[in-house]
N, C-alpha and C. Protein backbone atom coordinates (compact mmCIF):
# COMPACT_ATOMS: atom_id res chain seq x y z
N MET A 1 206.94 181.03 76.86
CA MET A 1 207.85 179.79 76.86
C MET A 1 207.84 179.34 75.60
N LEU A 2 208.66 178.87 74.86
CA LEU A 2 208.45 178.44 73.61
C LEU A 2 208.58 176.70 73.55
N THR A 3 207.62 176.27 72.80
CA THR A 3 207.57 174.94 72.46
C THR A 3 208.10 174.22 71.21
N GLN A 4 208.64 173.39 71.35
CA GLN A 4 209.22 173.03 69.77
C GLN A 4 208.91 171.72 69.61
N LEU A 5 207.79 171.32 68.27
CA LEU A 5 207.34 170.20 68.19
C LEU A 5 208.09 169.20 67.58
N SER A 6 207.98 167.81 68.27
CA SER A 6 208.89 166.83 67.61
C SER A 6 208.04 165.64 67.03
N LEU A 7 208.39 165.08 66.29
CA LEU A 7 207.69 164.39 65.53
C LEU A 7 208.24 162.75 65.61
N ASP A 8 207.36 161.97 65.95
CA ASP A 8 207.39 160.47 66.68
C ASP A 8 207.15 159.59 65.32
N PHE A 9 208.24 158.97 64.96
CA PHE A 9 208.04 158.04 63.84
C PHE A 9 207.60 156.51 64.51
N SER A 10 207.91 156.24 65.46
CA SER A 10 207.77 154.86 66.17
C SER A 10 206.51 154.51 65.71
N THR A 11 206.30 152.98 65.94
CA THR A 11 205.04 152.18 65.38
C THR A 11 204.22 151.92 67.03
N ARG A 12 203.15 152.42 66.80
CA ARG A 12 202.07 152.06 67.76
C ARG A 12 201.14 151.74 67.65
N LEU A 13 200.29 150.82 68.35
CA LEU A 13 199.14 150.51 67.82
C LEU A 13 198.17 151.74 68.08
N PRO A 14 197.10 151.89 67.23
CA PRO A 14 196.00 152.88 67.57
C PRO A 14 195.38 152.53 68.84
N PRO A 15 194.64 153.46 69.84
CA PRO A 15 193.88 152.97 70.50
C PRO A 15 192.40 152.15 70.43
N PRO A 16 192.22 151.34 71.31
CA PRO A 16 191.35 150.49 70.84
C PRO A 16 190.07 151.43 70.88
N SER A 17 189.31 150.69 69.81
CA SER A 17 187.62 151.41 69.53
C SER A 17 186.83 150.27 69.89
N ARG A 18 185.74 151.08 69.68
CA ARG A 18 184.51 150.43 70.31
C ARG A 18 184.07 149.37 69.28
N PRO A 19 183.48 148.37 69.15
CA PRO A 19 183.15 147.51 68.03
C PRO A 19 182.06 148.15 67.30
N ILE A 20 182.08 147.76 65.90
CA ILE A 20 180.74 148.66 65.10
C ILE A 20 179.74 147.27 65.57
N MET A 21 178.49 147.75 65.98
CA MET A 21 177.44 146.79 66.00
C MET A 21 176.66 146.60 64.58
N ALA A 22 177.24 145.18 64.47
CA ALA A 22 176.63 144.79 63.00
C ALA A 22 174.81 144.67 63.22
N TYR A 23 174.18 144.94 62.42
CA TYR A 23 172.84 144.68 62.07
C TYR A 23 172.52 143.28 61.66
N PRO A 24 171.77 142.37 62.27
CA PRO A 24 171.18 141.19 62.29
C PRO A 24 170.84 141.09 60.88
N THR A 25 171.14 139.99 60.06
CA THR A 25 170.64 139.52 58.63
C THR A 25 170.04 138.47 58.66
N ARG A 26 169.94 137.86 59.81
CA ARG A 26 169.23 136.38 59.71
C ARG A 26 168.51 136.44 61.16
N MET A 27 167.60 135.35 60.92
CA MET A 27 166.56 135.14 61.99
C MET A 27 166.39 133.69 62.29
N ASP A 28 166.48 133.51 63.66
CA ASP A 28 166.44 132.15 63.89
C ASP A 28 165.20 131.54 64.07
N VAL A 29 164.93 130.23 63.14
CA VAL A 29 163.55 129.68 62.98
C VAL A 29 163.75 128.25 63.55
N SER A 30 164.50 127.87 64.05
CA SER A 30 164.78 126.54 64.55
C SER A 30 163.87 125.86 65.22
N GLN A 31 162.92 126.38 66.18
CA GLN A 31 161.81 125.78 66.77
C GLN A 31 161.12 125.22 65.76
N ILE A 32 160.57 125.98 64.58
CA ILE A 32 159.73 125.90 63.71
C ILE A 32 160.16 124.80 62.64
N ALA A 33 161.44 124.91 62.33
CA ALA A 33 162.00 123.96 61.48
C ALA A 33 162.13 122.45 61.99
N ALA A 34 162.04 122.37 63.44
CA ALA A 34 162.14 121.07 64.13
C ALA A 34 161.12 120.22 64.05
N GLY A 35 159.97 120.84 63.61
CA GLY A 35 158.72 120.45 63.36
C GLY A 35 159.00 119.69 61.57
N VAL A 36 159.57 120.38 60.83
CA VAL A 36 159.30 119.74 59.71
C VAL A 36 160.63 118.56 59.45
N GLY A 37 161.68 118.41 60.52
CA GLY A 37 162.54 117.45 60.43
C GLY A 37 164.00 117.87 60.67
N PHE A 38 164.29 119.11 60.41
CA PHE A 38 165.84 119.52 60.83
C PHE A 38 166.05 119.27 62.09
N SER A 39 167.35 118.72 62.53
CA SER A 39 167.79 118.43 63.72
C SER A 39 168.72 119.70 63.98
N GLU A 40 169.01 120.57 63.06
CA GLU A 40 170.35 121.52 63.38
C GLU A 40 169.75 122.97 63.41
N PRO A 41 170.64 123.95 63.70
CA PRO A 41 170.00 125.09 63.86
C PRO A 41 169.54 125.84 62.57
N VAL A 42 168.50 126.39 62.36
CA VAL A 42 167.99 126.85 60.89
C VAL A 42 167.80 128.42 61.36
N SER A 43 168.47 129.20 60.05
CA SER A 43 167.74 130.64 60.33
C SER A 43 167.89 131.01 58.58
N ILE A 44 166.73 132.08 58.45
CA ILE A 44 166.36 132.39 57.44
C ILE A 44 166.74 133.75 57.21
N SER A 45 167.28 134.39 56.03
CA SER A 45 167.41 135.96 55.80
C SER A 45 166.41 136.88 56.17
N LEU A 46 166.45 137.86 56.59
CA LEU A 46 165.62 138.92 56.74
C LEU A 46 164.71 139.41 55.56
N VAL A 47 165.32 139.37 54.79
CA VAL A 47 164.71 139.31 53.22
C VAL A 47 163.81 138.61 52.97
N LEU A 48 163.98 137.21 53.07
CA LEU A 48 163.07 136.28 52.89
C LEU A 48 161.95 136.38 54.12
N SER A 49 162.09 136.86 55.22
CA SER A 49 161.12 136.88 56.05
C SER A 49 160.36 137.86 55.73
N ASP A 50 160.51 139.31 55.10
CA ASP A 50 159.96 139.96 54.79
C ASP A 50 158.98 139.85 53.36
N ALA A 51 159.58 138.96 52.53
CA ALA A 51 158.87 138.40 51.55
C ALA A 51 157.61 137.77 51.73
N LEU A 52 157.52 136.65 52.53
CA LEU A 52 157.05 136.10 53.05
C LEU A 52 155.89 136.54 54.02
N GLU A 53 156.01 138.02 54.42
CA GLU A 53 155.30 138.56 55.45
C GLU A 53 153.74 138.94 54.79
N ALA A 54 152.84 138.91 55.58
CA ALA A 54 151.31 138.90 55.37
C ALA A 54 151.10 140.51 55.13
N THR A 55 150.18 140.56 54.04
CA THR A 55 149.81 141.84 53.70
C THR A 55 148.62 142.11 54.38
N GLN A 56 147.93 143.31 54.16
CA GLN A 56 147.31 143.85 55.25
C GLN A 56 145.56 143.25 55.07
N LEU A 57 145.25 142.34 53.79
CA LEU A 57 144.17 141.41 53.84
C LEU A 57 144.27 140.29 54.56
N GLU A 58 145.64 139.76 55.00
CA GLU A 58 145.86 138.15 55.05
C GLU A 58 146.17 138.33 56.51
N THR A 59 146.20 137.27 57.31
CA THR A 59 146.50 136.83 58.81
C THR A 59 147.56 136.63 59.09
N GLU A 60 148.05 136.51 60.25
CA GLU A 60 149.35 136.32 60.62
C GLU A 60 149.48 134.60 60.54
N ASN A 61 148.61 134.10 60.45
CA ASN A 61 148.63 132.50 60.01
C ASN A 61 149.09 132.17 58.48
N ASP A 62 148.91 133.47 57.50
CA ASP A 62 149.35 133.25 56.42
C ASP A 62 150.85 133.12 56.07
N TYR A 63 151.62 133.93 57.27
CA TYR A 63 153.01 134.15 57.23
C TYR A 63 153.46 133.07 57.74
N ASP A 64 152.89 132.47 58.76
CA ASP A 64 153.56 131.27 59.80
C ASP A 64 153.49 129.98 58.43
N GLN A 65 152.27 129.74 57.67
CA GLN A 65 152.10 128.69 57.01
C GLN A 65 152.68 128.45 55.28
N ARG A 66 153.51 130.06 55.40
CA ARG A 66 154.60 130.30 54.23
C ARG A 66 155.79 129.94 54.49
N LEU A 67 156.26 130.34 56.01
CA LEU A 67 157.34 129.83 56.35
C LEU A 67 157.41 128.49 56.58
N TYR A 68 156.29 127.79 56.98
CA TYR A 68 156.35 126.04 57.25
C TYR A 68 156.52 125.43 55.92
N ASP A 69 155.70 126.12 54.95
CA ASP A 69 155.85 125.29 53.52
C ASP A 69 157.47 125.44 52.95
N ALA A 70 158.05 126.68 53.38
CA ALA A 70 159.32 127.23 52.49
C ALA A 70 160.02 126.03 53.17
N LEU A 71 160.15 125.96 54.47
CA LEU A 71 161.28 125.26 55.27
C LEU A 71 160.91 123.35 54.69
N TRP A 72 159.64 123.21 55.01
CA TRP A 72 159.44 121.71 54.46
C TRP A 72 160.05 121.53 52.85
N LEU A 73 160.15 122.75 52.04
CA LEU A 73 160.41 122.23 50.71
C LEU A 73 162.04 122.38 50.67
N ALA A 74 162.85 123.32 51.35
CA ALA A 74 164.17 123.22 51.72
C ALA A 74 164.71 121.83 52.25
N HIS A 75 163.78 121.28 53.26
CA HIS A 75 164.44 120.19 54.06
C HIS A 75 164.29 118.93 52.99
N PHE A 76 163.19 119.03 52.12
CA PHE A 76 163.05 118.03 51.07
C PHE A 76 164.08 118.26 49.82
N GLU A 77 164.47 119.64 49.29
CA GLU A 77 165.40 119.73 48.43
C GLU A 77 166.93 119.12 48.86
N LEU A 78 167.02 119.48 50.13
CA LEU A 78 168.31 119.03 50.94
C LEU A 78 168.47 117.46 51.06
N SER A 79 167.36 116.68 51.55
CA SER A 79 167.54 115.36 51.58
C SER A 79 167.78 114.93 49.87
N LEU A 80 167.01 115.61 48.90
CA LEU A 80 167.31 115.04 47.22
C LEU A 80 168.98 115.20 47.05
N ASN A 81 169.38 116.43 47.65
CA ASN A 81 170.70 116.69 46.92
C ASN A 81 171.79 116.11 48.23
N ASP A 82 171.52 115.14 49.07
CA ASP A 82 172.44 114.33 50.01
C ASP A 82 173.04 115.25 50.88
N GLY A 83 172.11 116.52 51.48
CA GLY A 83 172.77 117.62 52.16
C GLY A 83 173.51 118.57 51.78
N ARG A 84 173.60 118.46 50.53
CA ARG A 84 174.61 119.72 50.07
C ARG A 84 173.57 120.96 49.76
N SER A 85 174.05 122.22 49.26
CA SER A 85 173.00 123.19 49.03
C SER A 85 172.11 123.01 47.91
N ALA A 86 171.14 123.61 47.77
CA ALA A 86 170.52 123.40 46.78
C ALA A 86 169.46 124.99 46.49
N ASN A 87 169.27 124.82 45.15
CA ASN A 87 168.23 125.90 44.83
C ASN A 87 166.76 125.62 44.28
N PHE A 88 165.96 126.26 44.58
CA PHE A 88 164.72 125.86 43.96
C PHE A 88 163.81 127.03 44.28
N THR A 89 162.51 126.53 43.88
CA THR A 89 161.73 127.93 43.48
C THR A 89 160.49 127.67 44.21
N PHE A 90 160.09 128.48 45.05
CA PHE A 90 158.94 128.55 46.14
C PHE A 90 157.97 129.32 45.71
N THR A 91 156.76 128.62 45.30
CA THR A 91 155.66 129.57 45.30
C THR A 91 154.48 129.67 45.96
N PHE A 92 153.78 130.72 46.00
CA PHE A 92 152.70 130.81 46.80
C PHE A 92 151.70 131.60 46.58
N SER A 93 150.31 131.82 47.09
CA SER A 93 149.46 132.57 46.88
C SER A 93 149.27 133.64 47.76
N ARG A 94 148.99 135.21 47.47
CA ARG A 94 149.14 135.89 48.05
C ARG A 94 147.99 137.03 47.54
N ALA A 95 147.32 137.64 48.64
CA ALA A 95 146.12 138.57 48.25
C ALA A 95 146.59 139.81 47.85
N HIS A 96 145.97 140.67 46.94
CA HIS A 96 146.50 142.13 46.42
C HIS A 96 146.08 142.72 47.98
N TRP A 97 147.03 143.85 48.10
CA TRP A 97 146.83 144.58 49.28
C TRP A 97 145.32 145.40 49.37
N LYS A 98 145.14 145.60 47.99
CA LYS A 98 144.07 146.71 47.60
C LYS A 98 142.85 146.14 47.15
N THR A 99 142.98 145.13 45.99
CA THR A 99 141.91 144.64 45.34
C THR A 99 141.34 143.20 46.51
N GLY A 100 142.43 142.69 46.77
CA GLY A 100 142.08 141.07 47.48
C GLY A 100 142.25 140.21 46.63
N GLU A 101 142.61 140.12 45.28
CA GLU A 101 142.83 139.39 44.38
C GLU A 101 143.96 138.36 44.56
N LEU A 102 144.25 137.18 44.50
CA LEU A 102 144.96 136.22 44.41
C LEU A 102 145.97 135.98 43.46
N SER A 103 147.00 136.13 43.99
CA SER A 103 148.05 136.24 42.84
C SER A 103 149.16 135.37 42.95
N GLU A 104 150.02 134.49 42.37
CA GLU A 104 150.81 133.68 42.57
C GLU A 104 152.21 134.61 42.55
N THR A 105 152.92 134.14 43.74
CA THR A 105 154.27 134.97 43.86
C THR A 105 155.21 133.83 44.01
N GLY A 106 156.37 133.84 43.31
CA GLY A 106 157.39 132.82 43.23
C GLY A 106 158.66 133.63 43.78
N LEU A 107 159.60 132.87 44.23
CA LEU A 107 160.79 133.40 44.92
C LEU A 107 161.92 132.24 44.43
N ARG A 108 162.83 132.66 44.26
CA ARG A 108 164.06 131.77 43.98
C ARG A 108 164.86 131.59 45.33
N LEU A 109 164.85 130.52 46.12
CA LEU A 109 165.42 130.11 47.19
C LEU A 109 166.79 129.19 47.04
N CYS A 110 167.67 129.45 48.54
CA CYS A 110 168.42 128.91 48.28
C CYS A 110 168.72 128.37 49.80
N VAL A 111 169.43 126.95 49.90
CA VAL A 111 169.39 126.31 51.05
C VAL A 111 170.65 125.74 51.44
N GLU A 112 171.64 125.96 52.18
CA GLU A 112 172.92 125.39 52.70
C GLU A 112 173.45 125.32 53.86
N LYS A 113 173.86 124.01 53.84
CA LYS A 113 174.32 123.30 55.11
C LYS A 113 175.73 123.87 55.67
N GLY A 114 175.86 124.75 56.67
CA GLY A 114 177.34 124.89 56.78
C GLY A 114 177.71 124.58 58.33
N PRO A 115 178.80 125.00 58.94
CA PRO A 115 179.10 124.52 60.25
C PRO A 115 178.35 125.25 61.11
N GLN A 116 177.59 126.20 61.21
CA GLN A 116 176.93 127.12 62.10
C GLN A 116 175.35 126.50 61.72
N GLY A 117 174.91 125.44 60.74
CA GLY A 117 173.63 125.03 60.74
C GLY A 117 173.06 125.39 59.27
N ILE A 118 171.89 125.53 59.22
CA ILE A 118 171.23 125.35 58.13
C ILE A 118 170.69 127.12 57.66
N ARG A 119 171.33 127.45 56.65
CA ARG A 119 170.98 128.73 56.48
C ARG A 119 169.58 128.93 54.72
N LEU A 120 168.72 129.49 54.95
CA LEU A 120 167.76 129.45 53.95
C LEU A 120 167.43 131.18 53.61
N GLY A 121 167.23 131.21 52.44
CA GLY A 121 167.24 132.88 52.00
C GLY A 121 166.73 132.79 50.50
N LEU A 122 166.91 133.91 49.98
CA LEU A 122 166.53 134.15 48.67
C LEU A 122 168.13 134.05 47.79
N LYS A 123 167.94 133.63 46.96
CA LYS A 123 169.55 133.32 46.36
C LYS A 123 170.31 134.33 46.34
N THR A 124 169.76 135.72 45.83
CA THR A 124 170.52 136.71 46.13
C THR A 124 170.94 137.01 47.36
N ASP A 125 170.73 136.25 48.24
CA ASP A 125 171.36 136.59 49.83
C ASP A 125 172.58 136.03 49.85
N PHE A 126 172.85 135.09 49.23
CA PHE A 126 174.15 134.37 49.30
C PHE A 126 175.41 134.82 48.31
């Protein structure tokens, strides 16, 4: 039995595909931020969270304190700029992972207020 191929040039939508799962790039810190004075949802970038992470010679409290300080400074900068976005430098001490010596680490941060809440992250995240 012979079969002849026929071409169909009608326009049809492709079959629905499964949605692509996006990796999260932000972390909700609204509960901690409420203690600083934020009344809206607040999220930070995962890159900023990694930059604030404690080294082997530090405790988990060091991360918490850095996050609190960064949120406090972000709230302060937003209040100075009438709630608009702001850029600022956040500096903190960090123990070297091998020698234990303290050194200053500076991060250039950006905070902006949007329809979904406050976003805080490294300047390169925006």
